[in-house]
């Protein structure tokens, strides 16, 4: 099972903070997972398309969207972070 965590406005738009699921057939990368999640419901679709930018981390490391996922990975989706 992959554990997925949603942060900031992604949590608000999806309505959940985290979930666990088996990777669907054909989903091997973080981007493919994001695309699959976006097709699940209007809230997920809006979260992935409203700003055009969603950052990802796998097992607490920032990754590019083409990173391959394993069955026991933790995937976090979050908006860009700004500082001051």
C-alpha atoms as a PDB file:
ATOM      1  CA  UNK A   1       0.000   0.000   0.000  1.00  0.00           C
ATOM      2  CA  UNK A   2       1.163   3.514  -0.835  1.00  0.00           C
ATOM      3  CA  UNK A   3       0.506   6.175   1.770  1.00  0.00           C
ATOM      4  CA  UNK A   4      -0.483   9.522   0.262  1.00  0.00           C
ATOM      5  CA  UNK A   5      -0.448  12.823   2.144  1.00  0.00           C
ATOM      6  CA  UNK A   6      -1.988  16.097   1.010  1.00  0.00           C
ATOM      7  CA  UNK A   7      -0.845  19.454   2.396  1.00  0.00           C
ATOM      8  CA  UNK A   8      -2.124  23.042   2.487  1.00  0.00           C
ATOM      9  CA  UNK A   9      -4.791  23.908  -0.092  1.00  0.00           C
ATOM     10  CA  UNK A  10      -4.525  20.429  -1.632  1.00  0.00           C
ATOM     11  CA  UNK A  11      -5.945  19.041   1.595  1.00  0.00           C
ATOM     12  CA  UNK A  12      -8.756  21.569   1.464  1.00  0.00           C
ATOM     13  CA  UNK A  13      -9.679  20.874  -2.170  1.00  0.00           C
ATOM     14  CA  UNK A  14      -9.498  17.079  -1.886  1.00  0.00           C
ATOM     15  CA  UNK A  15     -11.244  16.966   1.469  1.00  0.00           C
ATOM     16  CA  UNK A  16      -8.725  14.546   2.994  1.00  0.00           C
ATOM     17  CA  UNK A  17      -5.311  14.797   4.599  1.00  0.00           C
ATOM     18  CA  UNK A  18      -4.047  11.304   3.855  1.00  0.00           C
ATOM     19  CA  UNK A  19      -5.022   7.914   2.521  1.00  0.00           C
ATOM     20  CA  UNK A  20      -3.542   4.518   1.744  1.00  0.00           C
ATOM     21  CA  UNK A  21      -4.145   2.658  -1.474  1.00  0.00           C
ATOM     22  CA  UNK A  22      -2.662   0.052  -3.761  1.00  0.00           C
ATOM     23  CA  UNK A  23      -1.108   1.518  -6.878  1.00  0.00           C
ATOM     24  CA  UNK A  24      -3.598   1.131  -9.734  1.00  0.00           C
ATOM     25  CA  UNK A  25      -2.565  -0.873 -12.797  1.00  0.00           C
ATOM     26  CA  UNK A  26      -0.409   1.228 -15.108  1.00  0.00           C
ATOM     27  CA  UNK A  27       0.538   3.764 -12.425  1.00  0.00           C
ATOM     28  CA  UNK A  28       4.290   3.635 -11.892  1.00  0.00           C
ATOM     29  CA  UNK A  29       5.412   7.248 -11.423  1.00  0.00           C
ATOM     30  CA  UNK A  30       4.459  10.121  -9.141  1.00  0.00           C
ATOM     31  CA  UNK A  31       3.027  12.056 -12.107  1.00  0.00           C
ATOM     32  CA  UNK A  32       0.914   9.086 -13.186  1.00  0.00           C
ATOM     33  CA  UNK A  33      -0.383   8.832  -9.627  1.00  0.00           C
ATOM     34  CA  UNK A  34      -1.269  12.532  -9.643  1.00  0.00           C
ATOM     35  CA  UNK A  35      -3.057  12.143 -12.987  1.00  0.00           C
ATOM     36  CA  UNK A  36      -4.963   9.123 -11.708  1.00  0.00           C
ATOM     37  CA  UNK A  37      -5.943  11.002  -8.554  1.00  0.00           C
ATOM     38  CA  UNK A  38      -7.116  13.996 -10.630  1.00  0.00           C
ATOM     39  CA  UNK A  39      -9.545  11.725 -12.496  1.00  0.00           C
ATOM     40  CA  UNK A  40     -11.150  10.468  -9.266  1.00  0.00           C
ATOM     41  CA  UNK A  41     -13.389  13.413  -8.411  1.00  0.00           C
ATOM     42  CA  UNK A  42     -14.018  17.096  -9.147  1.00  0.00           C
ATOM     43  CA  UNK A  43     -12.151  18.120  -5.973  1.00  0.00           C
ATOM     44  CA  UNK A  44      -9.053  16.184  -6.970  1.00  0.00           C
ATOM     45  CA  UNK A  45      -9.273  17.473 -10.547  1.00  0.00           C
ATOM     46  CA  UNK A  46      -9.468  21.063  -9.319  1.00  0.00           C
ATOM     47  CA  UNK A  47      -6.538  20.521  -6.962  1.00  0.00           C
ATOM     48  CA  UNK A  48      -4.307  19.291  -9.783  1.00  0.00           C
ATOM     49  CA  UNK A  49      -5.380  21.791 -12.430  1.00  0.00           C
ATOM     50  CA  UNK A  50      -6.292  25.016 -10.638  1.00  0.00           C
ATOM     51  CA  UNK A  51      -2.742  26.282 -10.235  1.00  0.00           C
ATOM     52  CA  UNK A  52      -0.770  24.089 -12.596  1.00  0.00           C
ATOM     53  CA  UNK A  53       1.890  23.490  -9.937  1.00  0.00           C
ATOM     54  CA  UNK A  54       1.934  20.631  -7.482  1.00  0.00           C
ATOM     55  CA  UNK A  55       5.174  19.579  -5.817  1.00  0.00           C
ATOM     56  CA  UNK A  56       5.893  15.993  -4.796  1.00  0.00           C
ATOM     57  CA  UNK A  57       8.003  14.163  -2.282  1.00  0.00           C
ATOM     58  CA  UNK A  58       8.546  10.420  -2.001  1.00  0.00           C
ATOM     59  CA  UNK A  59       9.733   9.085   1.331  1.00  0.00           C
ATOM     60  CA  UNK A  60      10.448  12.655   2.527  1.00  0.00           C
ATOM     61  CA  UNK A  61      12.623  13.610  -0.466  1.00  0.00           C
ATOM     62  CA  UNK A  62      11.590  16.129  -3.107  1.00  0.00           C
ATOM     63  CA  UNK A  63      11.379  14.353  -6.452  1.00  0.00           C
ATOM     64  CA  UNK A  64      10.685  14.999 -10.098  1.00  0.00           C
ATOM     65  CA  UNK A  65       7.360  13.728 -11.370  1.00  0.00           C
ATOM     66  CA  UNK A  66       8.941  10.856 -13.305  1.00  0.00           C
ATOM     67  CA  UNK A  67      10.257   9.063 -10.191  1.00  0.00           C
ATOM     68  CA  UNK A  68       9.113   5.438  -9.997  1.00  0.00           C
ATOM     69  CA  UNK A  69       7.003   4.475  -7.006  1.00  0.00           C
ATOM     70  CA  UNK A  70       7.244   1.342  -4.916  1.00  0.00           C
ATOM     71  CA  UNK A  71       4.448  -0.444  -3.058  1.00  0.00           C
ATOM     72  CA  UNK A  72       5.523   0.801   0.395  1.00  0.00           C
ATOM     73  CA  UNK A  73       6.338   4.418  -0.493  1.00  0.00           C
ATOM     74  CA  UNK A  74       4.921   7.514   1.145  1.00  0.00           C
ATOM     75  CA  UNK A  75       3.988  10.172  -1.403  1.00  0.00           C
ATOM     76  CA  UNK A  76       3.317  13.761  -0.376  1.00  0.00           C
ATOM     77  CA  UNK A  77       1.684  16.361  -2.614  1.00  0.00           C
ATOM     78  CA  UNK A  78       1.974  20.040  -1.691  1.00  0.00           C
ATOM     79  CA  UNK A  79       2.003  23.520  -3.209  1.00  0.00           C
ATOM     80  CA  UNK A  80       5.232  25.464  -3.735  1.00  0.00           C
ATOM     81  CA  UNK A  81       6.607  26.972  -0.548  1.00  0.00           C
ATOM     82  CA  UNK A  82       7.497  30.628  -0.406  1.00  0.00           C
ATOM     83  CA  UNK A  83       9.496  32.388   2.225  1.00  0.00           C
ATOM     84  CA  UNK A  84      10.169  35.893   3.284  1.00  0.00           C
END
